Amino acid sequence: MHPVRSLFLFLCACLAGIPAAHVPNTLAQTDAANATAPEPDFEFFRTEVQPIFLAKRGSSVRCIQCHTRSSGFRLQPLDEGAHFWTLEQSRLNYASARAFVVPGADPLQSRFLTHPLAASAGGDAFHGGGKHFANRSDPEWRIMAAWAAGAVSRPPATDTVVRIIQTNAAGDNSHIIDPATNTVVGVIEDVEIPHGVTSAPDGSAIYISNESLHSLDIIDSRTLRVKRRVALSGRPNNVAVSKDGSKVYVGIMEMPGAVDIIDTVTMEKIKTLPVEGAIHNVYVTPDGRHAVAGSIQTRKINVIDTSTDELAWTLEMDAGIRPMIFDTHADGSTRNIYVQLSDFHGFAVVDFNTRKEVTRIEHPEVPGEHAHLDGLQSAPAHGLGISPDGKTLWSTSKIYSHAYVHSLPDLKEIGRVFVGQHPEWITFTPDGKTAYIGAAGDNATYAVDTATLTVVAKIAVGQTPKRNGTVLMQVD
């Protein structure tokens, strides 16, 4: 390293008040460390390290709250209304952080890594912003350490697991359920009024629409922190991911209506597609060829060609479009749209190719079950699911607190199961053995054995759980 650069880094450390223990004893030692160590990568810093500074951890303040005022490691303030830094701001943040890193040295020689680390784990005795990392196994601390060591990407995950995620419509969190044990094994915090949820096909990210901030929140599945917030064109409702994982479709629940399309690589909105009516729910068909978006206000089903991201056709029903689900022909193409409608206790069936309603199924009353008519929000039936084997269709009733199960393709009712007060969305394990239903009135998710139609677990979650989904998640 050039002597002037060595002196510059040493003076930066001294001015920042770095203890002697965290500064190499001589400039020669700094030079030796840097002689073989790669320079910390800017792009890795921008995409993986910077989100850590925005993350909320329990009762602790976010790093950005203090470090925009710091005279040492200083972060640039976000522009008004922005959820992330610009490229130029990121470069300034990088330069500030870089001054507190000794590349190639033991991580505990870098103030950037020791200051927020618990003293018991080798960190500094005091940090005015609190101790964010209890040990060096913390996944976020490991990201920071990898960057300081010169990594250009994160190491591969050690495994990918199936999880059920239940969003809580009246809360600021979403609960992660392990279907093997039917227990909550994690909580995604800091997404206020979470609506729809889906995941990347490889399990690297979870996508949750944030009604409070009007954003699509991208969650790192290995840290459970918000990695990026993508500003949307309006208040979002449900979300769906393309089959190849390259795009996320977000329904915008504001007139005149739109579907926002997010590029998952750049984590930026690439298009706002006008559609006919504010969008309540959006889905990608099983073959991946279409995104289907429904509007309550205009009673329209909007079908989008995912190869062009243009509106292909629409169909007007006689009532508002609520949840939808799809089955397929033998070749995998879409056969029917099953759709629940405003103020209808059941579902309608629309032939996808002819674009016509072919039948309608109304749920009968459940003998001995009290009818609940309060808080229906014009949606007496508000949850649909088709089992992974394609043999059964499930539909929830908020009036009778049951899920009705019909065989496919003949649509004969073959059973019912009580699933709590105000049951909402349905999702299945990939093997189809268990169905999970969010019961908004019970603050619980019901796990149902699909073979016996019996409840095997009632899992406490958050406030007013509605939408849920089966996702893949990477783990370290």
Protein backbone atom coordinates (compact mmCIF):
# COMPACT_ATOMS: atom_id res chain seq x y z
CA MET A 1 0.00 0.00 0.00
CA HIS A 2 1.18 3.51 -0.75
CA PRO A 3 2.52 5.25 2.42
CA VAL A 4 0.19 8.21 1.98
CA ARG A 5 -2.84 5.89 1.84
CA SER A 6 -1.63 4.02 4.93
CA LEU A 7 -1.28 7.28 6.80
CA PHE A 8 -4.73 8.39 5.66
CA LEU A 9 -6.40 5.23 6.99
CA PHE A 10 -4.48 5.46 10.24
CA LEU A 11 -5.54 9.06 10.79
CA CYS A 12 -9.17 8.22 9.97
CA ALA A 13 -9.05 5.54 12.63
CA CYS A 14 -7.52 7.88 15.18
CA LEU A 15 -10.02 10.66 14.50
CA ALA A 16 -12.88 8.19 14.85
CA GLY A 17 -11.60 7.19 18.29
CA ILE A 18 -10.72 3.60 17.44
CA PRO A 19 -9.00 1.95 20.42
CA ALA A 20 -5.41 0.90 19.95
CA ALA A 21 -6.45 -2.73 20.17
CA HIS A 22 -8.36 -2.32 16.91
CA VAL A 23 -5.63 -0.48 15.01
CA PRO A 24 -2.59 -2.34 13.61
CA ASN A 25 0.49 -1.53 15.68
CA THR A 26 2.40 -0.30 12.68
CA LEU A 27 1.66 0.90 9.18
CA ALA A 28 3.75 -2.05 8.02
CA GLN A 29 1.22 -4.43 9.54
CA THR A 30 -1.60 -2.62 7.75
CA ASP A 31 0.36 -2.84 4.50
CA ALA A 32 0.97 -6.57 5.05
CA ALA A 33 -2.71 -7.22 5.59
CA ASN A 34 -3.69 -5.24 2.53
CA ALA A 35 -0.98 -6.66 0.29
CA THR A 36 -2.89 -9.92 -0.22
CA ALA A 37 -6.43 -8.91 0.71
CA PRO A 38 -8.85 -7.81 -2.00
CA GLU A 39 -10.46 -4.40 -1.71
CA PRO A 40 -13.98 -4.62 -0.20
CA ASP A 41 -16.45 -4.86 -3.09
CA PHE A 42 -18.73 -1.89 -3.71
CA GLU A 43 -21.63 -3.80 -5.28
CA PHE A 44 -21.70 -6.33 -2.45
CA PHE A 45 -21.74 -3.43 -0.01
CA ARG A 46 -24.55 -1.69 -1.88
CA THR A 47 -26.88 -4.68 -2.19
CA GLU A 48 -26.08 -6.81 0.87
CA VAL A 49 -24.49 -4.62 3.55
CA GLN A 50 -26.48 -1.39 3.21
CA PRO A 51 -29.85 -3.04 3.96
CA ILE A 52 -28.47 -3.90 7.41
CA PHE A 53 -28.31 -0.18 8.23
CA LEU A 54 -32.06 0.15 7.62
CA ALA A 55 -33.16 -2.99 9.47
CA LYS A 56 -35.30 -2.89 12.60
CA ARG A 57 -34.20 -5.22 15.38
CA GLY A 58 -36.58 -5.50 18.29
CA SER A 59 -36.58 -2.33 20.39
CA SER A 60 -33.27 -1.08 18.99
CA VAL A 61 -33.11 1.93 16.72
CA ARG A 62 -32.09 1.48 13.09
CA CYS A 63 -28.45 2.26 12.31
CA ILE A 64 -29.49 5.07 10.00
CA GLN A 65 -31.19 6.94 12.84
CA CYS A 66 -27.85 7.78 14.47
CA HIS A 67 -25.29 7.46 11.73
CA THR A 68 -26.69 10.22 9.53
CA ARG A 69 -25.48 12.53 12.32
CA SER A 70 -22.22 10.74 13.06
CA SER A 71 -18.88 12.47 12.63
CA GLY A 72 -17.22 9.07 12.19
CA PHE A 73 -19.01 6.41 10.18
CA ARG A 74 -21.59 8.60 8.48
CA LEU A 75 -24.55 7.44 6.40
CA GLN A 76 -26.24 9.69 3.87
CA PRO A 77 -29.84 10.65 4.76
CA LEU A 78 -32.45 9.09 2.49
CA ASP A 79 -34.13 11.44 0.07
CA GLU A 80 -37.67 12.41 1.06
CA GLY A 81 -40.03 9.55 0.27
CA ALA A 82 -37.18 7.20 -0.70
CA HIS A 83 -36.77 3.70 0.77
CA PHE A 84 -33.14 3.22 -0.30
CA TRP A 85 -30.03 5.17 -1.24
CA THR A 86 -29.18 6.37 -4.72
CA LEU A 87 -26.05 5.07 -6.42
CA GLU A 88 -24.09 8.21 -5.55
CA GLN A 89 -25.26 8.11 -1.93
CA SER A 90 -24.23 4.47 -1.76
CA ARG A 91 -20.73 5.38 -2.94
CA LEU A 92 -20.45 7.93 -0.13
CA ASN A 93 -21.68 5.37 2.39
CA TYR A 94 -19.12 2.88 1.07
CA ALA A 95 -16.27 5.35 1.46
CA SER A 96 -17.30 6.10 5.03
CA ALA A 97 -17.58 2.44 6.00
CA ARG A 98 -14.35 1.53 4.20
CA ALA A 99 -12.34 3.77 6.53
CA PHE A 100 -13.23 1.47 9.44
CA VAL A 101 -12.16 -1.79 7.79
CA VAL A 102 -8.75 -3.48 7.76
CA PRO A 103 -8.95 -5.88 4.78
CA GLY A 104 -7.29 -9.23 5.25
CA ALA A 105 -6.96 -8.85 9.01
CA ASP A 106 -8.84 -10.68 11.74
CA PRO A 107 -12.41 -9.32 11.68
CA LEU A 108 -11.94 -8.08 15.22
CA GLN A 109 -9.32 -5.67 13.93
CA SER A 110 -12.02 -3.74 12.05
CA ARG A 111 -13.98 -1.14 14.01
CA PHE A 112 -16.82 -1.57 11.51
CA LEU A 113 -17.32 -5.08 12.87
CA THR A 114 -16.49 -4.68 16.56
CA HIS A 115 -18.51 -1.61 17.41
CA PRO A 116 -22.03 -3.13 17.06
CA LEU A 117 -20.89 -6.57 18.31
CA ALA A 118 -21.50 -7.68 21.90
CA ALA A 119 -18.42 -7.34 24.10
CA SER A 120 -18.79 -10.98 25.15
CA ALA A 121 -18.29 -11.94 21.50
CA GLY A 122 -15.18 -9.80 21.09
CA GLY A 123 -16.82 -6.47 20.36
CA ASP A 124 -16.08 -3.06 21.80
CA ALA A 125 -17.08 -2.26 25.36
CA PHE A 126 -19.56 0.39 24.31
CA HIS A 127 -21.56 1.50 21.27
CA GLY A 128 -23.87 4.50 21.57
CA GLY A 129 -26.31 2.85 19.20
CA GLY A 130 -26.49 -0.33 21.22
CA LYS A 131 -25.27 -3.84 20.52
CA HIS A 132 -27.03 -5.23 17.46
CA PHE A 133 -25.25 -8.58 17.20
CA ALA A 134 -25.00 -10.98 20.13
CA ASN A 135 -22.39 -13.20 18.51
CA ARG A 136 -20.33 -13.69 15.37
CA SER A 137 -22.78 -16.30 14.09
CA ASP A 138 -25.41 -13.65 13.49
CA PRO A 139 -26.20 -13.80 9.74
CA GLU A 140 -26.07 -10.02 9.32
CA TRP A 141 -22.72 -9.72 11.11
CA ARG A 142 -21.41 -12.50 8.87
CA ILE A 143 -22.48 -10.53 5.79
CA MET A 144 -20.55 -7.52 7.06
CA ALA A 145 -17.50 -9.66 7.86
CA ALA A 146 -17.60 -11.30 4.44
CA TRP A 147 -17.65 -7.87 2.79
CA ALA A 148 -14.72 -6.67 4.87
CA ALA A 149 -12.80 -9.79 3.85
CA GLY A 150 -13.31 -9.04 0.16
CA ALA A 151 -16.24 -11.29 -0.75
CA VAL A 152 -18.20 -10.35 -3.87
CA SER A 153 -21.22 -12.49 -2.99
CA ARG A 154 -22.64 -14.40 -0.09
CA PRO A 155 -21.72 -18.07 0.35
CA PRO A 156 -24.39 -20.51 -0.83
CA ALA A 157 -27.12 -21.46 1.61
CA THR A 158 -26.67 -24.78 3.36
CA ASP A 159 -30.27 -25.87 2.79
CA THR A 160 -33.70 -24.91 1.47
CA VAL A 161 -36.79 -25.62 3.56
CA VAL A 162 -40.56 -25.41 3.09
CA ARG A 163 -42.38 -23.01 5.36
CA ILE A 164 -45.89 -21.60 5.74
CA ILE A 165 -46.02 -17.82 6.12
CA GLN A 166 -49.08 -16.22 7.70
CA THR A 167 -49.42 -12.47 7.27
CA ASN A 168 -51.30 -10.56 9.95
CA ALA A 169 -53.57 -7.91 8.44
CA ALA A 170 -53.88 -5.85 11.63
CA GLY A 171 -50.25 -6.13 12.66
CA ASP A 172 -46.71 -5.33 11.61
CA ASN A 173 -45.41 -8.87 11.39
CA SER A 174 -45.83 -12.22 9.65
CA HIS A 175 -45.37 -15.61 11.29
CA ILE A 176 -43.29 -18.45 9.84
CA ILE A 177 -44.61 -21.96 10.52
CA ASP A 178 -42.65 -25.18 10.17
CA PRO A 179 -45.13 -27.69 8.69
CA ALA A 180 -43.15 -30.60 10.11
CA THR A 181 -43.87 -29.51 13.69
CA ASN A 182 -46.74 -27.01 13.22
CA THR A 183 -44.89 -24.51 15.37
CA VAL A 184 -43.85 -20.92 14.76
CA VAL A 185 -40.12 -20.91 14.01
CA GLY A 186 -39.63 -17.28 13.05
CA VAL A 187 -41.28 -13.89 12.71
CA ILE A 188 -40.79 -11.33 9.95
CA GLU A 189 -40.97 -7.94 11.63
CA ASP A 190 -41.28 -4.36 10.40
CA VAL A 191 -43.82 -4.82 7.59
CA GLU A 192 -46.88 -2.89 8.76
CA ILE A 193 -50.22 -4.13 7.39
CA PRO A 194 -48.67 -6.99 5.42
CA HIS A 195 -50.99 -8.21 2.68
CA GLY A 196 -49.92 -10.77 0.09
CA VAL A 197 -46.91 -13.08 0.42
CA THR A 198 -44.91 -15.23 -1.97
CA SER A 199 -41.28 -16.27 -2.41
CA ALA A 200 -38.56 -16.58 -5.01
CA PRO A 201 -38.50 -20.07 -6.58
CA ASP A 202 -35.00 -20.66 -5.18
CA GLY A 203 -36.03 -19.57 -1.68
CA SER A 204 -33.62 -16.63 -1.55
CA ALA A 205 -36.25 -13.96 -0.93
CA ILE A 206 -39.75 -13.50 0.43
CA TYR A 207 -42.01 -10.86 -1.10
CA ILE A 208 -44.65 -9.14 1.06
CA SER A 209 -46.81 -6.20 0.03
CA ASN A 210 -46.71 -3.38 2.60
CA GLU A 211 -50.01 -1.49 2.73
CA SER A 212 -48.69 1.12 5.14
CA LEU A 213 -45.70 2.29 3.09
CA HIS A 214 -47.17 1.42 -0.34
CA SER A 215 -44.17 -0.77 -1.09
CA LEU A 216 -43.17 -4.27 -2.03
CA ASP A 217 -40.92 -5.43 0.79
CA ILE A 218 -38.21 -7.90 -0.21
CA ILE A 219 -37.20 -10.05 2.75
CA ASP A 220 -33.86 -11.83 2.95
CA SER A 221 -34.93 -15.39 3.82
CA ARG A 222 -31.69 -16.08 5.69
CA THR A 223 -31.76 -13.00 7.96
CA LEU A 224 -35.54 -12.35 7.99
CA ARG A 225 -34.80 -8.62 7.51
CA VAL A 226 -36.26 -6.30 4.91
CA LYS A 227 -33.57 -6.17 2.22
CA ARG A 228 -35.23 -3.61 -0.02
CA ARG A 229 -38.47 -1.66 -0.18
CA VAL A 230 -39.67 -0.96 -3.70
CA ALA A 231 -41.96 2.06 -3.99
CA LEU A 232 -45.24 1.25 -5.72
CA SER A 233 -47.74 3.33 -7.68
CA GLY A 234 -50.38 3.03 -4.95
CA ARG A 235 -51.67 0.97 -2.05
CA PRO A 236 -50.91 -2.70 -2.71
CA ASN A 237 -52.95 -5.81 -2.10
CA ASN A 238 -51.95 -9.29 -3.21
CA VAL A 239 -48.70 -10.30 -4.95
CA ALA A 240 -47.58 -13.13 -7.24
CA VAL A 241 -44.21 -14.19 -8.60
CA SER A 242 -43.52 -15.29 -12.17
CA LYS A 243 -42.71 -18.94 -12.68
CA ASP A 244 -39.06 -18.19 -13.46
CA GLY A 245 -38.78 -15.85 -10.48
CA SER A 246 -37.73 -12.84 -12.55
CA LYS A 247 -40.78 -10.68 -11.83
CA VAL A 248 -43.25 -9.97 -9.06
CA TYR A 249 -46.75 -8.76 -9.93
CA VAL A 250 -48.40 -6.48 -7.36
CA GLY A 251 -52.10 -5.60 -7.42
CA ILE A 252 -52.70 -1.89 -6.79
CA MET A 253 -55.94 -1.36 -4.87
CA GLU A 254 -56.60 2.17 -6.12
CA MET A 255 -58.70 3.38 -9.03
CA PRO A 256 -58.42 3.51 -11.99
CA GLY A 257 -56.42 0.32 -11.43
CA ALA A 258 -52.97 -1.05 -12.13
CA VAL A 259 -50.62 -3.97 -11.68
CA ASP A 260 -47.06 -2.99 -10.79
CA ILE A 261 -44.29 -5.23 -12.13
CA ILE A 262 -41.04 -5.56 -10.17
CA ASP A 263 -37.73 -6.86 -11.53
CA THR A 264 -36.39 -9.19 -8.83
CA VAL A 265 -32.74 -8.83 -9.89
CA THR A 266 -32.53 -5.04 -9.87
CA MET A 267 -35.22 -4.83 -7.16
CA GLU A 268 -36.88 -1.97 -9.03
CA LYS A 269 -40.34 -1.33 -10.46
CA ILE A 270 -40.09 -1.71 -14.22
CA LYS A 271 -43.71 -1.13 -15.24
CA THR A 272 -47.09 0.03 -14.05
CA LEU A 273 -49.65 -1.72 -16.24
CA PRO A 274 -53.07 -0.04 -16.40
CA VAL A 275 -55.95 -2.49 -15.98
CA GLU A 276 -59.71 -2.23 -15.60
CA GLY A 277 -60.36 -1.49 -11.95
CA ALA A 278 -58.53 -1.36 -8.64
CA ILE A 279 -56.95 -4.76 -8.08
CA HIS A 280 -57.85 -6.83 -5.05
CA ASN A 281 -55.86 -9.96 -5.90
CA VAL A 282 -53.36 -10.97 -8.58
CA TYR A 283 -52.15 -14.49 -9.38
CA VAL A 284 -49.86 -16.23 -11.86
CA THR A 285 -51.45 -19.25 -13.53
CA PRO A 286 -49.84 -22.67 -12.92
CA ASP A 287 -48.27 -22.71 -16.40
CA GLY A 288 -46.80 -19.24 -15.84
CA ARG A 289 -48.25 -17.85 -19.07
CA HIS A 290 -50.69 -15.40 -17.52
CA ALA A 291 -51.14 -13.12 -14.52
CA VAL A 292 -54.79 -12.81 -13.52
CA ALA A 293 -55.98 -9.77 -11.57
CA GLY A 294 -59.46 -9.20 -10.16
CA SER A 295 -61.26 -5.97 -9.32
CA ILE A 296 -64.05 -5.59 -6.79
CA GLN A 297 -65.10 -2.16 -8.04
CA THR A 298 -65.45 -2.93 -11.75
CA ARG A 299 -66.29 -6.65 -11.37
CA LYS A 300 -63.58 -7.38 -13.95
CA ILE A 301 -61.16 -10.27 -14.31
CA ASN A 302 -58.04 -8.93 -16.07
CA VAL A 303 -55.80 -11.47 -17.80
CA ILE A 304 -52.21 -10.39 -18.54
CA ASP A 305 -49.84 -12.10 -20.98
CA THR A 306 -46.65 -12.56 -18.94
CA SER A 307 -44.46 -12.78 -22.07
CA THR A 308 -45.33 -9.19 -23.01
CA ASP A 309 -46.77 -7.89 -19.73
CA GLU A 310 -49.72 -6.48 -21.65
CA LEU A 311 -53.43 -6.91 -20.97
CA ALA A 312 -54.68 -9.86 -23.06
CA TRP A 313 -58.40 -9.93 -22.23
CA THR A 314 -60.98 -9.07 -19.59
CA LEU A 315 -64.21 -10.61 -18.38
CA GLU A 316 -66.92 -8.78 -16.46
CA MET A 317 -68.81 -10.75 -13.81
CA ASP A 318 -72.02 -9.72 -12.04
CA ALA A 319 -70.27 -9.02 -8.72
CA GLY A 320 -66.90 -7.94 -7.36
CA ILE A 321 -63.97 -10.28 -7.89
CA ARG A 322 -62.62 -11.79 -4.68
CA PRO A 323 -60.09 -14.68 -4.33
CA MET A 324 -59.38 -16.87 -7.37
CA ILE A 325 -57.65 -20.20 -8.01
CA PHE A 326 -56.94 -22.28 -11.12
CA ASP A 327 -56.85 -25.88 -12.29
CA THR A 328 -55.21 -27.23 -15.42
CA HIS A 329 -55.67 -29.44 -18.46
CA ALA A 330 -53.49 -32.51 -18.91
CA ASP A 331 -50.95 -30.41 -20.84
CA GLY A 332 -50.62 -27.97 -17.94
CA SER A 333 -52.56 -25.12 -19.55
CA THR A 334 -55.20 -23.32 -17.52
CA ARG A 335 -58.60 -25.04 -17.51
CA ASN A 336 -60.84 -23.07 -15.17
CA ILE A 337 -60.79 -19.98 -13.00
CA TYR A 338 -62.60 -20.56 -9.71
CA VAL A 339 -63.66 -17.21 -8.31
CA GLN A 340 -65.40 -16.02 -5.17
CA LEU A 341 -67.65 -13.00 -5.62
CA SER A 342 -68.87 -10.14 -3.45
CA ASP A 343 -71.98 -11.04 -1.42
CA PHE A 344 -72.05 -14.61 -2.75
CA HIS A 345 -71.58 -17.52 -0.35
CA GLY A 346 -69.72 -19.89 -2.62
CA PHE A 347 -67.80 -19.66 -5.89
CA ALA A 348 -68.26 -19.41 -9.65
CA VAL A 349 -66.45 -21.38 -12.34
CA VAL A 350 -65.14 -19.67 -15.49
CA ASP A 351 -63.85 -21.64 -18.48
CA PHE A 352 -60.49 -20.04 -19.26
CA ASN A 353 -60.57 -20.73 -23.00
CA THR A 354 -64.19 -19.76 -23.74
CA ARG A 355 -64.06 -16.92 -21.19
CA LYS A 356 -67.54 -17.78 -19.95
CA GLU A 357 -69.01 -18.70 -16.59
CA VAL A 358 -70.08 -22.36 -16.71
CA THR A 359 -71.51 -22.96 -13.25
CA ARG A 360 -71.86 -21.58 -9.76
CA ILE A 361 -71.71 -23.44 -6.43
CA GLU A 362 -73.42 -22.02 -3.34
CA HIS A 363 -72.40 -23.30 0.06
CA PRO A 364 -75.27 -24.68 2.15
CA GLU A 365 -75.69 -23.87 5.82
CA VAL A 366 -73.91 -26.04 8.36
CA PRO A 367 -76.48 -27.67 10.68
CA GLY A 368 -76.03 -26.57 14.27
CA GLU A 369 -73.50 -23.86 13.37
CA HIS A 370 -74.41 -20.27 14.24
CA ALA A 371 -74.31 -17.97 11.20
CA HIS A 372 -71.85 -15.09 11.66
CA LEU A 373 -72.93 -12.05 9.67
CA ASP A 374 -70.85 -9.33 11.31
CA GLY A 375 -67.67 -8.04 9.67
CA LEU A 376 -68.06 -9.96 6.43
CA GLN A 377 -66.98 -6.93 4.35
CA SER A 378 -69.22 -8.18 1.51
CA ALA A 379 -67.10 -11.35 1.34
CA PRO A 380 -68.97 -14.25 2.98
CA ALA A 381 -66.58 -16.67 1.24
CA HIS A 382 -62.98 -15.46 1.08
CA GLY A 383 -60.46 -18.21 0.52
CA LEU A 384 -59.85 -20.80 -2.20
CA GLY A 385 -57.33 -23.55 -2.67
CA ILE A 386 -56.75 -26.50 -4.97
CA SER A 387 -54.82 -29.44 -3.56
CA PRO A 388 -51.43 -30.09 -5.16
CA ASP A 389 -52.73 -33.28 -6.79
CA GLY A 390 -55.55 -31.30 -8.42
CA LYS A 391 -58.25 -33.57 -7.02
CA THR A 392 -59.99 -31.28 -4.53
CA LEU A 393 -61.06 -27.64 -4.27
CA TRP A 394 -61.35 -25.97 -0.87
CA SER A 395 -63.45 -22.89 -0.14
CA THR A 396 -63.77 -21.09 3.19
CA SER A 397 -66.97 -19.67 4.68
CA LYS A 398 -66.76 -16.76 7.10
CA ILE A 399 -70.47 -17.21 7.83
CA TYR A 400 -70.21 -20.82 9.05
CA SER A 401 -66.53 -20.99 10.08
CA HIS A 402 -65.92 -24.00 7.86
CA ALA A 403 -63.95 -25.01 4.82
CA TYR A 404 -66.05 -26.80 2.20
CA VAL A 405 -64.21 -29.45 0.18
CA HIS A 406 -65.28 -30.39 -3.35
CA SER A 407 -63.95 -33.09 -5.65
CA LEU A 408 -62.59 -32.14 -9.05
CA PRO A 409 -63.62 -32.04 -11.80
CA ASP A 410 -67.21 -32.94 -10.84
CA LEU A 411 -67.47 -30.33 -8.03
CA LYS A 412 -69.30 -32.62 -5.63
CA GLU A 413 -69.04 -31.62 -1.98
CA ILE A 414 -67.17 -34.39 -0.18
CA GLY A 415 -66.65 -32.89 3.26
CA ARG A 416 -66.44 -29.92 5.61
CA VAL A 417 -64.18 -28.99 8.48
CA PHE A 418 -64.45 -26.32 11.17
CA VAL A 419 -61.50 -23.92 10.79
CA GLY A 420 -62.18 -21.09 13.25
CA GLN A 421 -63.84 -17.70 13.21
CA HIS A 422 -63.68 -15.77 9.93
CA PRO A 423 -61.49 -18.24 8.01
CA GLU A 424 -59.66 -16.69 5.10
CA TRP A 425 -56.93 -17.94 2.78
CA ILE A 426 -55.82 -21.52 2.24
CA THR A 427 -52.41 -22.96 1.39
CA PHE A 428 -51.09 -26.53 1.26
CA THR A 429 -47.86 -28.34 1.92
CA PRO A 430 -46.27 -29.48 -1.36
CA ASP A 431 -47.26 -33.08 -0.68
CA GLY A 432 -50.87 -32.01 -0.12
CA LYS A 433 -51.14 -33.75 3.24
CA THR A 434 -51.85 -30.62 5.26
CA ALA A 435 -53.89 -27.49 4.54
CA TYR A 436 -53.30 -24.24 6.44
CA ILE A 437 -56.09 -21.70 6.88
CA GLY A 438 -55.80 -18.29 8.49
CA ALA A 439 -58.63 -17.68 10.97
CA ALA A 440 -58.85 -13.89 11.24
CA GLY A 441 -61.23 -13.99 14.19
CA ASP A 442 -59.09 -16.36 16.25
CA ASN A 443 -55.63 -14.88 15.60
CA ALA A 444 -54.61 -18.39 14.64
CA THR A 445 -53.72 -20.58 11.69
CA TYR A 446 -55.47 -23.94 11.52
CA ALA A 447 -53.57 -26.97 10.20
CA VAL A 448 -55.92 -29.57 8.70
CA ASP A 449 -55.14 -33.16 7.77
CA THR A 450 -56.50 -33.32 4.23
CA ALA A 451 -57.11 -37.08 4.28
CA THR A 452 -59.25 -37.15 7.42
CA LEU A 453 -60.47 -33.51 7.34
CA THR A 454 -59.51 -33.06 10.96
CA VAL A 455 -57.73 -30.15 12.61
CA VAL A 456 -54.30 -31.29 13.77
CA ALA A 457 -53.07 -27.95 15.13
CA LYS A 458 -54.29 -24.48 16.03
CA ILE A 459 -51.24 -22.25 15.80
CA ALA A 460 -51.24 -18.85 17.53
CA VAL A 461 -50.05 -16.08 15.20
CA GLY A 462 -50.64 -12.30 15.06
CA GLN A 463 -53.51 -9.89 14.78
CA THR A 464 -56.19 -10.72 12.17
CA PRO A 465 -54.37 -13.30 10.06
CA LYS A 466 -55.78 -13.43 6.53
CA ARG A 467 -53.47 -14.11 3.57
CA ASN A 468 -50.93 -16.93 3.74
CA GLY A 469 -48.67 -18.88 1.44
CA THR A 470 -46.39 -21.87 1.13
CA VAL A 471 -42.82 -20.73 0.44
CA LEU A 472 -39.29 -21.96 0.09
CA MET A 473 -36.66 -20.41 2.34
CA GLN A 474 -32.89 -20.66 2.26
CA VAL A 475 -31.10 -21.26 5.54
CA ASP A 476 -27.44 -20.93 6.57
